[in-house]
Amino acid sequence: MATSPDGGEFLCGKELTGADIMMSFPLEAANGRSGVKQDKFPRAFAYVDKMYERDAYKRAKQKIIEAEGEFKTTL
């Protein structure tokens, strides 16, 4: 994220790409299961939080809740 092109907020620049979606899964897992602390990796945590704030993420989360009855980011 520190080397994102054009100072973008996402991995490949200023726009969300498939790379961001693919990286969100391991980052969510690390956030929830690894014991990694926010103070050590603030950019990674801020990046995941930014993904959570996206309307598309919220819609997808709601669809999972409707289909499965709950939503969780850990396995």
PDB file of N, CA and C in Angstrom:
ATOM      1  N   MET A   1       0.817  -1.182   0.000  1.00  0.00           N
ATOM      2  CA  MET A   1       0.000   0.000   0.000  1.00  0.00           C
ATOM      3  C   MET A   1       0.865   1.252   0.000  1.00  0.00           C
ATOM      4  N   ALA A   2       2.030   1.139   0.591  1.00  0.00           N
ATOM      5  CA  ALA A   2       2.938   2.279   0.605  1.00  0.00           C
ATOM      6  C   ALA A   2       3.475   2.581  -0.789  1.00  0.00           C
ATOM      7  N   THR A   3       3.458   1.588  -1.674  1.00  0.00           N
ATOM      8  CA  THR A   3       3.987   1.783  -3.026  1.00  0.00           C
ATOM      9  C   THR A   3       2.891   1.783  -4.083  1.00  0.00           C
ATOM     10  N   SER A   4       1.661   1.992  -3.682  1.00  0.00           N
ATOM     11  CA  SER A   4       0.556   2.025  -4.630  1.00  0.00           C
ATOM     12  C   SER A   4       0.798   3.109  -5.680  1.00  0.00           C
ATOM     13  N   PRO A   5       0.594   2.777  -6.957  1.00  0.00           N
ATOM     14  CA  PRO A   5       0.807   3.780  -8.007  1.00  0.00           C
ATOM     15  C   PRO A   5      -0.039   5.033  -7.798  1.00  0.00           C
ATOM     16  N   ASP A   6       0.543   6.151  -8.125  1.00  0.00           N
ATOM     17  CA  ASP A   6      -0.135   7.458  -8.038  1.00  0.00           C
ATOM     18  C   ASP A   6      -0.635   7.775  -6.637  1.00  0.00           C
ATOM     19  N   GLY A   7      -0.026   7.179  -5.605  1.00  0.00           N
ATOM     20  CA  GLY A   7      -0.436   7.451  -4.234  1.00  0.00           C
ATOM     21  C   GLY A   7      -1.835   6.969  -3.938  1.00  0.00           C
ATOM     22  N   GLY A   8      -2.269   5.967  -4.684  1.00  0.00           N
ATOM     23  CA  GLY A   8      -3.629   5.466  -4.541  1.00  0.00           C
ATOM     24  C   GLY A   8      -3.877   4.785  -3.207  1.00  0.00           C
ATOM     25  N   GLU A   9      -5.138   4.627  -2.910  1.00  0.00           N
ATOM     26  CA  GLU A   9      -5.545   3.988  -1.657  1.00  0.00           C
ATOM     27  C   GLU A   9      -5.660   2.481  -1.800  1.00  0.00           C
ATOM     28  N   PHE A  10      -5.589   1.981  -3.026  1.00  0.00           N
ATOM     29  CA  PHE A  10      -5.720   0.559  -3.268  1.00  0.00           C
ATOM     30  C   PHE A  10      -4.408   0.006  -3.808  1.00  0.00           C
ATOM     31  N   LEU A  11      -4.324  -1.297  -3.917  1.00  0.00           N
ATOM     32  CA  LEU A  11      -3.064  -1.938  -4.280  1.00  0.00           C
ATOM     33  C   LEU A  11      -2.527  -1.508  -5.638  1.00  0.00           C
ATOM     34  N   CYS A  12      -3.417  -1.311  -6.588  1.00  0.00           N
ATOM     35  CA  CYS A  12      -2.980  -0.995  -7.952  1.00  0.00           C
ATOM     36  C   CYS A  12      -3.234   0.454  -8.341  1.00  0.00           C
ATOM     37  N   GLY A  13      -3.507   1.288  -7.375  1.00  0.00           N
ATOM     38  CA  GLY A  13      -3.740   2.694  -7.677  1.00  0.00           C
ATOM     39  C   GLY A  13      -4.939   3.254  -6.960  1.00  0.00           C
ATOM     40  N   LYS A  14      -5.615   4.139  -7.639  1.00  0.00           N
ATOM     41  CA  LYS A  14      -6.711   4.873  -7.013  1.00  0.00           C
ATOM     42  C   LYS A  14      -8.056   4.163  -7.107  1.00  0.00           C
ATOM     43  N   GLU A  15      -8.147   3.112  -7.897  1.00  0.00           N
ATOM     44  CA  GLU A  15      -9.403   2.396  -8.084  1.00  0.00           C
ATOM     45  C   GLU A  15      -9.300   0.989  -7.517  1.00  0.00           C
ATOM     46  N   LEU A  16     -10.387   0.493  -7.002  1.00  0.00           N
ATOM     47  CA  LEU A  16     -10.476  -0.880  -6.516  1.00  0.00           C
ATOM     48  C   LEU A  16     -10.342  -1.832  -7.696  1.00  0.00           C
ATOM     49  N   THR A  17      -9.538  -2.885  -7.535  1.00  0.00           N
ATOM     50  CA  THR A  17      -9.372  -3.892  -8.587  1.00  0.00           C
ATOM     51  C   THR A  17      -9.564  -5.280  -7.989  1.00  0.00           C
ATOM     52  N   GLY A  18      -9.511  -6.282  -8.843  1.00  0.00           N
ATOM     53  CA  GLY A  18      -9.595  -7.663  -8.395  1.00  0.00           C
ATOM     54  C   GLY A  18      -8.489  -8.010  -7.418  1.00  0.00           C
ATOM     55  N   ALA A  19      -7.333  -7.390  -7.561  1.00  0.00           N
ATOM     56  CA  ALA A  19      -6.227  -7.643  -6.632  1.00  0.00           C
ATOM     57  C   ALA A  19      -6.620  -7.266  -5.205  1.00  0.00           C
ATOM     58  N   ASP A  20      -7.354  -6.193  -5.063  1.00  0.00           N
ATOM     59  CA  ASP A  20      -7.800  -5.776  -3.734  1.00  0.00           C
ATOM     60  C   ASP A  20      -8.777  -6.782  -3.141  1.00  0.00           C
ATOM     61  N   ILE A  21      -9.692  -7.269  -3.975  1.00  0.00           N
ATOM     62  CA  ILE A  21     -10.660  -8.250  -3.504  1.00  0.00           C
ATOM     63  C   ILE A  21      -9.933  -9.514  -3.056  1.00  0.00           C
ATOM     64  N   MET A  22      -8.986  -9.983  -3.868  1.00  0.00           N
ATOM     65  CA  MET A  22      -8.253 -11.203  -3.525  1.00  0.00           C
ATOM     66  C   MET A  22      -7.434 -11.030  -2.245  1.00  0.00           C
ATOM     67  N   MET A  23      -6.843  -9.876  -2.044  1.00  0.00           N
ATOM     68  CA  MET A  23      -6.035  -9.649  -0.835  1.00  0.00           C
ATOM     69  C   MET A  23      -6.886  -9.419   0.401  1.00  0.00           C
ATOM     70  N   SER A  24      -8.138  -9.056   0.223  1.00  0.00           N
ATOM     71  CA  SER A  24      -8.972  -8.801   1.394  1.00  0.00           C
ATOM     72  C   SER A  24      -9.166 -10.079   2.211  1.00  0.00           C
ATOM     73  N   PHE A  25      -9.229 -11.230   1.563  1.00  0.00           N
ATOM     74  CA  PHE A  25      -9.463 -12.483   2.281  1.00  0.00           C
ATOM     75  C   PHE A  25      -8.329 -12.831   3.242  1.00  0.00           C
ATOM     76  N   PRO A  26      -7.066 -12.881   2.792  1.00  0.00           N
ATOM     77  CA  PRO A  26      -6.000 -13.195   3.755  1.00  0.00           C
ATOM     78  C   PRO A  26      -5.815 -12.109   4.811  1.00  0.00           C
ATOM     79  N   LEU A  27      -6.082 -10.858   4.442  1.00  0.00           N
ATOM     80  CA  LEU A  27      -5.953  -9.791   5.438  1.00  0.00           C
ATOM     81  C   LEU A  27      -7.038  -9.904   6.505  1.00  0.00           C
ATOM     82  N   GLU A  28      -8.263 -10.254   6.095  1.00  0.00           N
ATOM     83  CA  GLU A  28      -9.322 -10.465   7.081  1.00  0.00           C
ATOM     84  C   GLU A  28      -8.968 -11.627   8.002  1.00  0.00           C
ATOM     85  N   ALA A  29      -8.423 -12.702   7.426  1.00  0.00           N
ATOM     86  CA  ALA A  29      -8.039 -13.856   8.240  1.00  0.00           C
ATOM     87  C   ALA A  29      -6.929 -13.481   9.216  1.00  0.00           C
ATOM     88  N   ALA A  30      -5.950 -12.743   8.741  1.00  0.00           N
ATOM     89  CA  ALA A  30      -4.860 -12.315   9.623  1.00  0.00           C
ATOM     90  C   ALA A  30      -5.387 -11.409  10.720  1.00  0.00           C
ATOM     91  N   ASN A  31      -6.300 -10.544  10.361  1.00  0.00           N
ATOM     92  CA  ASN A  31      -6.903  -9.624  11.322  1.00  0.00           C
ATOM     93  C   ASN A  31      -7.630 -10.392  12.421  1.00  0.00           C
ATOM     94  N   GLY A  32      -8.346 -11.431  12.053  1.00  0.00           N
ATOM     95  CA  GLY A  32      -9.176 -12.130  13.019  1.00  0.00           C
ATOM     96  C   GLY A  32      -8.527 -13.307  13.726  1.00  0.00           C
ATOM     97  N   ARG A  33      -7.499 -13.910  13.138  1.00  0.00           N
ATOM     98  CA  ARG A  33      -7.002 -15.171  13.691  1.00  0.00           C
ATOM     99  C   ARG A  33      -5.529 -15.201  14.054  1.00  0.00           C
ATOM    100  N   SER A  34      -4.745 -14.280  13.584  1.00  0.00           N
ATOM    101  CA  SER A  34      -3.297 -14.432  13.725  1.00  0.00           C
ATOM    102  C   SER A  34      -2.699 -13.778  14.958  1.00  0.00           C
ATOM    103  N   GLY A  35      -3.447 -12.942  15.611  1.00  0.00           N
ATOM    104  CA  GLY A  35      -2.876 -12.210  16.735  1.00  0.00           C
ATOM    105  C   GLY A  35      -2.095 -10.978  16.310  1.00  0.00           C
ATOM    106  N   VAL A  36      -2.121 -10.658  15.015  1.00  0.00           N
ATOM    107  CA  VAL A  36      -1.461  -9.463  14.516  1.00  0.00           C
ATOM    108  C   VAL A  36      -2.164  -8.255  15.120  1.00  0.00           C
ATOM    109  N   LYS A  37      -1.397  -7.317  15.575  1.00  0.00           N
ATOM    110  CA  LYS A  37      -1.952  -6.151  16.265  1.00  0.00           C
ATOM    111  C   LYS A  37      -1.976  -4.922  15.363  1.00  0.00           C
ATOM    112  N   GLN A  38      -3.009  -4.130  15.528  1.00  0.00           N
ATOM    113  CA  GLN A  38      -3.206  -2.949  14.705  1.00  0.00           C
ATOM    114  C   GLN A  38      -2.058  -1.952  14.831  1.00  0.00           C
ATOM    115  N   ASP A  39      -1.495  -1.812  16.021  1.00  0.00           N
ATOM    116  CA  ASP A  39      -0.423  -0.825  16.191  1.00  0.00           C
ATOM    117  C   ASP A  39       0.834  -1.199  15.416  1.00  0.00           C
ATOM    118  N   LYS A  40       1.001  -2.463  15.084  1.00  0.00           N
ATOM    119  CA  LYS A  40       2.177  -2.892  14.321  1.00  0.00           C
ATOM    120  C   LYS A  40       1.961  -2.738  12.814  1.00  0.00           C
ATOM    121  N   PHE A  41       0.711  -2.895  12.358  1.00  0.00           N
ATOM    122  CA  PHE A  41       0.397  -2.816  10.937  1.00  0.00           C
ATOM    123  C   PHE A  41      -0.821  -1.918  10.693  1.00  0.00           C
ATOM    124  N   PRO A  42      -0.723  -0.651  11.023  1.00  0.00           N
ATOM    125  CA  PRO A  42      -1.892   0.230  10.923  1.00  0.00           C
ATOM    126  C   PRO A  42      -2.422   0.371   9.499  1.00  0.00           C
ATOM    127  N   ARG A  43      -1.546   0.365   8.499  1.00  0.00           N
ATOM    128  CA  ARG A  43      -2.024   0.495   7.117  1.00  0.00           C
ATOM    129  C   ARG A  43      -2.849  -0.714   6.691  1.00  0.00           C
ATOM    130  N   ALA A  44      -2.437  -1.895   7.080  1.00  0.00           N
ATOM    131  CA  ALA A  44      -3.180  -3.105   6.723  1.00  0.00           C
ATOM    132  C   ALA A  44      -4.561  -3.090   7.366  1.00  0.00           C
ATOM    133  N   PHE A  45      -4.629  -2.695   8.613  1.00  0.00           N
ATOM    134  CA  PHE A  45      -5.923  -2.630   9.297  1.00  0.00           C
ATOM    135  C   PHE A  45      -6.802  -1.537   8.679  1.00  0.00           C
ATOM    136  N   ALA A  46      -6.227  -0.402   8.351  1.00  0.00           N
ATOM    137  CA  ALA A  46      -6.994   0.684   7.725  1.00  0.00           C
ATOM    138  C   ALA A  46      -7.498   0.249   6.356  1.00  0.00           C
ATOM    139  N   TYR A  47      -6.693  -0.515   5.641  1.00  0.00           N
ATOM    140  CA  TYR A  47      -7.084  -1.021   4.327  1.00  0.00           C
ATOM    141  C   TYR A  47      -8.294  -1.940   4.445  1.00  0.00           C
ATOM    142  N   VAL A  48      -8.264  -2.864   5.386  1.00  0.00           N
ATOM    143  CA  VAL A  48      -9.400  -3.767   5.598  1.00  0.00           C
ATOM    144  C   VAL A  48     -10.631  -2.973   6.027  1.00  0.00           C
ATOM    145  N   ASP A  49     -10.456  -2.029   6.911  1.00  0.00           N
ATOM    146  CA  ASP A  49     -11.589  -1.189   7.338  1.00  0.00           C
ATOM    147  C   ASP A  49     -12.193  -0.446   6.154  1.00  0.00           C
ATOM    148  N   LYS A  50     -11.343   0.022   5.243  1.00  0.00           N
ATOM    149  CA  LYS A  50     -11.820   0.726   4.051  1.00  0.00           C
ATOM    150  C   LYS A  50     -12.672  -0.209   3.187  1.00  0.00           C
ATOM    151  N   MET A  51     -12.267  -1.460   3.096  1.00  0.00           N
ATOM    152  CA  MET A  51     -13.048  -2.441   2.336  1.00  0.00           C
ATOM    153  C   MET A  51     -14.422  -2.640   2.992  1.00  0.00           C
ATOM    154  N   TYR A  52     -14.445  -2.709   4.321  1.00  0.00           N
ATOM    155  CA  TYR A  52     -15.698  -2.905   5.052  1.00  0.00           C
ATOM    156  C   TYR A  52     -16.668  -1.742   4.824  1.00  0.00           C
ATOM    157  N   GLU A  53     -16.175  -0.567   4.569  1.00  0.00           N
ATOM    158  CA  GLU A  53     -17.012   0.618   4.402  1.00  0.00           C
ATOM    159  C   GLU A  53     -17.634   0.730   3.011  1.00  0.00           C
ATOM    160  N   ARG A  54     -17.155  -0.039   2.079  1.00  0.00           N
ATOM    161  CA  ARG A  54     -17.675   0.039   0.709  1.00  0.00           C
ATOM    162  C   ARG A  54     -19.100  -0.496   0.650  1.00  0.00           C
ATOM    163  N   ASP A  55     -19.939   0.195  -0.103  1.00  0.00           N
ATOM    164  CA  ASP A  55     -21.331  -0.235  -0.243  1.00  0.00           C
ATOM    165  C   ASP A  55     -21.431  -1.644  -0.817  1.00  0.00           C
ATOM    166  N   ALA A  56     -20.583  -1.968  -1.772  1.00  0.00           N
ATOM    167  CA  ALA A  56     -20.627  -3.306  -2.371  1.00  0.00           C
ATOM    168  C   ALA A  56     -20.315  -4.381  -1.337  1.00  0.00           C
ATOM    169  N   TYR A  57     -19.378  -4.105  -0.448  1.00  0.00           N
ATOM    170  CA  TYR A  57     -19.054  -5.059   0.613  1.00  0.00           C
ATOM    171  C   TYR A  57     -20.253  -5.248   1.534  1.00  0.00           C
ATOM    172  N   LYS A  58     -20.893  -4.158   1.882  1.00  0.00           N
ATOM    173  CA  LYS A  58     -22.057  -4.223   2.769  1.00  0.00           C
ATOM    174  C   LYS A  58     -23.199  -5.006   2.120  1.00  0.00           C
ATOM    175  N   ARG A  59     -23.393  -4.803   0.814  1.00  0.00           N
ATOM    176  CA  ARG A  59     -24.450  -5.551   0.115  1.00  0.00           C
ATOM    177  C   ARG A  59     -24.126  -7.039   0.078  1.00  0.00           C
ATOM    178  N   ALA A  60     -22.879  -7.367  -0.205  1.00  0.00           N
ATOM    179  CA  ALA A  60     -22.476  -8.775  -0.247  1.00  0.00           C
ATOM    180  C   ALA A  60     -22.629  -9.415   1.126  1.00  0.00           C
ATOM    181  N   LYS A  61     -22.244  -8.697   2.149  1.00  0.00           N
ATOM    182  CA  LYS A  61     -22.389  -9.199   3.511  1.00  0.00           C
ATOM    183  C   LYS A  61     -23.853  -9.474   3.845  1.00  0.00           C
ATOM    184  N   GLN A  62     -24.739  -8.573   3.451  1.00  0.00           N
ATOM    185  CA  GLN A  62     -26.163  -8.748   3.711  1.00  0.00           C
ATOM    186  C   GLN A  62     -26.718  -9.966   2.971  1.00  0.00           C
ATOM    187  N   LYS A  63     -26.264 -10.194   1.758  1.00  0.00           N
ATOM    188  CA  LYS A  63     -26.716 -11.372   1.001  1.00  0.00           C
ATOM    189  C   LYS A  63     -26.286 -12.661   1.687  1.00  0.00           C
ATOM    190  N   ILE A  64     -25.082 -12.661   2.247  1.00  0.00           N
ATOM    191  CA  ILE A  64     -24.603 -13.844   2.974  1.00  0.00           C
ATOM    192  C   ILE A  64     -25.458 -14.071   4.213  1.00  0.00           C
ATOM    193  N   ILE A  65     -25.768 -13.022   4.926  1.00  0.00           N
ATOM    194  CA  ILE A  65     -26.620 -13.139   6.118  1.00  0.00           C
ATOM    195  C   ILE A  65     -27.990 -13.693   5.742  1.00  0.00           C
ATOM    196  N   GLU A  66     -28.552 -13.194   4.660  1.00  0.00           N
ATOM    197  CA  GLU A  66     -29.851 -13.678   4.214  1.00  0.00           C
ATOM    198  C   GLU A  66     -29.806 -15.158   3.824  1.00  0.00           C
ATOM    199  N   ALA A  67     -28.718 -15.582   3.202  1.00  0.00           N
ATOM    200  CA  ALA A  67     -28.609 -16.958   2.738  1.00  0.00           C
ATOM    201  C   ALA A  67     -28.216 -17.926   3.842  1.00  0.00           C
ATOM    202  N   GLU A  68     -27.328 -17.483   4.733  1.00  0.00           N
ATOM    203  CA  GLU A  68     -26.765 -18.395   5.725  1.00  0.00           C
ATOM    204  C   GLU A  68     -27.168 -18.090   7.162  1.00  0.00           C
ATOM    205  N   GLY A  69     -27.767 -16.938   7.377  1.00  0.00           N
ATOM    206  CA  GLY A  69     -28.193 -16.574   8.717  1.00  0.00           C
ATOM    207  C   GLY A  69     -27.158 -15.835   9.541  1.00  0.00           C
ATOM    208  N   GLU A  70     -25.929 -15.787   9.068  1.00  0.00           N
ATOM    209  CA  GLU A  70     -24.877 -15.061   9.769  1.00  0.00           C
ATOM    210  C   GLU A  70     -23.747 -14.737   8.809  1.00  0.00           C
ATOM    211  N   PHE A  71     -22.856 -13.860   9.239  1.00  0.00           N
ATOM    212  CA  PHE A  71     -21.686 -13.498   8.464  1.00  0.00           C
ATOM    213  C   PHE A  71     -20.496 -13.525   9.393  1.00  0.00           C
ATOM    214  N   LYS A  72     -19.437 -14.172   8.960  1.00  0.00           N
ATOM    215  CA  LYS A  72     -18.194 -14.172   9.741  1.00  0.00           C
ATOM    216  C   LYS A  72     -17.019 -14.145   8.777  1.00  0.00           C
ATOM    217  N   THR A  73     -15.964 -13.495   9.196  1.00  0.00           N
ATOM    218  CA  THR A  73     -14.786 -13.374   8.343  1.00  0.00           C
ATOM    219  C   THR A  73     -13.741 -14.425   8.673  1.00  0.00           C
ATOM    220  N   THR A  74     -13.941 -15.192   9.719  1.00  0.00           N
ATOM    221  CA  THR A  74     -12.977 -16.232  10.073  1.00  0.00           C
ATOM    222  C   THR A  74     -13.542 -17.600   9.710  1.00  0.00           C
ATOM    223  N   LEU A  75     -12.640 -18.514   9.501  1.00  0.00           N
ATOM    224  CA  LEU A  75     -13.064 -19.882   9.144  1.00  0.00           C
ATOM    225  C   LEU A  75     -13.264 -20.727  10.357  1.00  0.00           C
TER     226      LEU A  75
END
